[in-house]
Amino acid sequence: MSPVCPFFAQNANVFRSALSCFDRVIFKGHLPISYPEKFQAFVDYTLKLQRVKFIKHHAPLWSKHLVEHARQQAERQQRAFDYHQGNIDKDAWAKRQRLSHDIREGLIGILCVQESCSTYKLAYGKGDSSLRSSSHSASGALLLLPGS
């Protein structure tokens, strides 16, 4: 039995469950923060940050840190770190990496994909700001692919 993933342990209150299988961890379920009101409550009460500071400072900084950490992990384990915009067949990418580098176990590589998803923008009102869904929707996502 492997130890609990530090990320999962640190954020256990956010997850209902996780499915583990040989080639990845799959999270399925409903993310209430996909609704502006719920995301706003998450920023206000869980993160305890001002909305303006979160959108303009913290979120971009955390995103950069996450990508840089992933890049360092790939480098440390001498695995591929690829960045793609738009559609990419992630399974085909992983299979190509595994076959071309004869990877039998451990990390296959890290694929950073910029793909469409819900985003938020600040909407200023009387004395306060709120978060609104944005039609401009591109965001970074990381996919870690451990070998089987």
Protein backbone atom coordinates (compact mmCIF):
# COMPACT_ATOMS: atom_id res chain seq x y z
CA MET A 1 0.00 0.00 0.00
CA SER A 2 1.50 3.33 -1.01
CA PRO A 3 1.39 6.31 1.36
CA VAL A 4 -1.29 8.95 0.92
CA CYS A 5 -0.40 11.54 -1.70
CA PRO A 6 0.58 14.80 0.08
CA PHE A 7 -1.64 16.81 -2.29
CA PHE A 8 -4.63 14.61 -1.53
CA ALA A 9 -3.96 14.68 2.21
CA GLN A 10 -3.60 18.48 2.24
CA ASN A 11 -6.83 18.96 0.29
CA ALA A 12 -8.85 16.01 1.66
CA ASN A 13 -11.77 18.23 2.64
CA VAL A 14 -12.31 19.13 -1.05
CA PHE A 15 -12.46 15.54 -2.37
CA ARG A 16 -15.24 13.05 -1.85
CA SER A 17 -13.19 10.14 -3.18
CA ALA A 18 -10.51 9.18 -5.66
CA LEU A 19 -10.29 6.22 -7.98
CA SER A 20 -6.83 4.82 -8.52
CA CYS A 21 -5.86 2.53 -11.33
CA PHE A 22 -2.64 1.51 -13.00
CA ASP A 23 -2.08 4.47 -15.27
CA ARG A 24 -3.65 7.50 -13.57
CA VAL A 25 -5.81 8.87 -10.80
CA ILE A 26 -9.32 9.73 -11.92
CA PHE A 27 -11.48 12.23 -10.06
CA LYS A 28 -15.18 12.10 -10.85
CA GLY A 29 -17.96 14.12 -9.38
CA HIS A 30 -19.47 17.53 -9.14
CA LEU A 31 -17.35 20.61 -8.47
CA PRO A 32 -19.59 23.23 -6.89
CA ILE A 33 -16.94 25.89 -7.56
CA SER A 34 -17.96 25.73 -11.22
CA TYR A 35 -20.80 28.09 -10.25
CA PRO A 36 -19.83 31.74 -9.72
CA GLU A 37 -21.58 31.99 -6.33
CA LYS A 38 -19.87 28.86 -5.00
CA PHE A 39 -16.47 29.88 -6.34
CA GLN A 40 -16.90 33.32 -4.79
CA ALA A 41 -17.74 31.70 -1.43
CA PHE A 42 -14.65 29.47 -1.79
CA VAL A 43 -12.42 32.51 -2.34
CA ASP A 44 -14.08 34.47 0.48
CA TYR A 45 -14.46 31.84 3.19
CA THR A 46 -12.04 29.00 2.43
CA LEU A 47 -9.10 30.89 0.97
CA LYS A 48 -10.02 34.04 2.94
CA LEU A 49 -8.67 36.30 0.20
CA GLN A 50 -10.00 39.48 -1.32
CA ARG A 51 -11.50 38.67 -4.71
CA VAL A 52 -9.49 41.33 -6.56
CA LYS A 53 -6.21 40.10 -5.07
CA PHE A 54 -7.11 36.48 -5.82
CA ILE A 55 -7.95 37.09 -9.50
CA LYS A 56 -5.15 39.57 -10.23
CA HIS A 57 -2.34 38.22 -8.06
CA HIS A 58 -2.77 34.87 -6.30
CA ALA A 59 -4.36 32.75 -9.06
CA PRO A 60 -1.79 33.65 -11.77
CA LEU A 61 1.07 33.22 -9.30
CA TRP A 62 -0.19 29.81 -8.09
CA SER A 63 -0.64 28.71 -11.69
CA LYS A 64 2.96 29.64 -12.53
CA HIS A 65 4.22 27.84 -9.41
CA LEU A 66 2.26 24.71 -10.31
CA VAL A 67 3.63 24.62 -13.85
CA GLU A 68 7.18 25.27 -12.64
CA HIS A 69 6.92 22.51 -10.03
CA ALA A 70 5.68 20.09 -12.70
CA ARG A 71 8.56 21.11 -14.99
CA GLN A 72 11.05 20.47 -12.18
CA GLN A 73 9.51 17.06 -11.43
CA ALA A 74 9.82 16.05 -15.07
CA GLU A 75 13.42 17.25 -15.18
CA ARG A 76 14.29 15.52 -11.90
CA GLN A 77 12.91 12.22 -13.19
CA GLN A 78 14.32 12.77 -16.70
CA ARG A 79 10.89 12.64 -18.30
CA ALA A 80 9.18 14.72 -20.95
CA PHE A 81 7.46 17.98 -20.12
CA ASP A 82 5.34 19.08 -23.09
CA TYR A 83 3.13 22.13 -23.44
CA HIS A 84 0.25 22.12 -25.94
CA GLN A 85 -2.57 24.50 -26.81
CA GLY A 86 -5.88 23.11 -27.95
CA ASN A 87 -6.88 19.51 -28.54
CA ILE A 88 -4.39 16.73 -28.07
CA ASP A 89 -4.98 13.01 -27.68
CA LYS A 90 -3.52 12.63 -24.20
CA ASP A 91 -3.60 8.83 -24.26
CA ALA A 92 -1.77 8.73 -27.59
CA TRP A 93 0.82 11.18 -26.24
CA ALA A 94 1.40 8.99 -23.17
CA LYS A 95 1.68 5.83 -25.29
CA ARG A 96 4.22 7.48 -27.61
CA GLN A 97 6.30 8.60 -24.63
CA ARG A 98 6.14 5.18 -22.98
CA LEU A 99 7.10 3.31 -26.16
CA SER A 100 9.78 5.69 -27.44
CA HIS A 101 11.56 5.79 -24.05
CA ASP A 102 10.83 2.15 -23.05
CA ILE A 103 9.21 3.23 -19.76
CA ARG A 104 7.97 0.26 -17.75
CA GLU A 105 7.15 1.96 -14.43
CA GLY A 106 7.03 5.35 -12.78
CA LEU A 107 6.28 8.67 -14.35
CA ILE A 108 5.79 8.65 -18.12
CA GLY A 109 5.79 12.41 -18.49
CA ILE A 110 3.98 15.62 -17.74
CA LEU A 111 1.68 17.14 -20.29
CA CYS A 112 0.61 20.74 -19.76
CA VAL A 113 -2.42 21.52 -21.93
CA GLN A 114 -4.14 24.83 -22.40
CA GLU A 115 -7.76 23.93 -23.03
CA SER A 116 -11.20 25.47 -22.72
CA CYS A 117 -12.85 25.57 -19.32
CA SER A 118 -14.96 27.87 -17.21
CA THR A 119 -13.22 31.02 -16.06
CA TYR A 120 -14.23 34.01 -13.98
CA LYS A 121 -13.81 37.76 -14.22
CA LEU A 122 -14.36 40.51 -11.72
CA ALA A 123 -17.58 42.47 -11.93
CA TYR A 124 -17.52 45.70 -9.96
CA GLY A 125 -20.66 46.88 -8.20
CA LYS A 126 -21.62 49.32 -5.50
CA GLY A 127 -18.73 49.16 -3.04
CA ASP A 128 -17.82 45.54 -3.81
CA SER A 129 -16.70 43.22 -6.53
CA SER A 130 -18.15 39.87 -7.48
CA LEU A 131 -17.03 37.00 -9.68
CA ARG A 132 -18.93 36.33 -12.90
CA SER A 133 -18.59 33.59 -15.47
CA SER A 134 -16.52 34.66 -18.42
CA SER A 135 -17.02 33.73 -22.04
CA HIS A 136 -13.27 34.09 -22.58
CA SER A 137 -12.35 30.60 -21.49
CA ALA A 138 -8.82 29.29 -21.71
CA SER A 139 -6.88 27.90 -18.82
CA GLY A 140 -3.89 25.70 -18.09
CA ALA A 141 -4.27 22.10 -16.98
CA LEU A 142 -1.67 19.58 -15.95
CA LEU A 143 -1.86 15.88 -16.56
CA LEU A 144 0.52 13.61 -14.66
CA LEU A 145 0.81 10.21 -16.23
CA PRO A 146 2.41 7.49 -14.10
CA GLY A 147 3.37 4.30 -15.90
CA SER A 148 1.73 0.98 -15.24
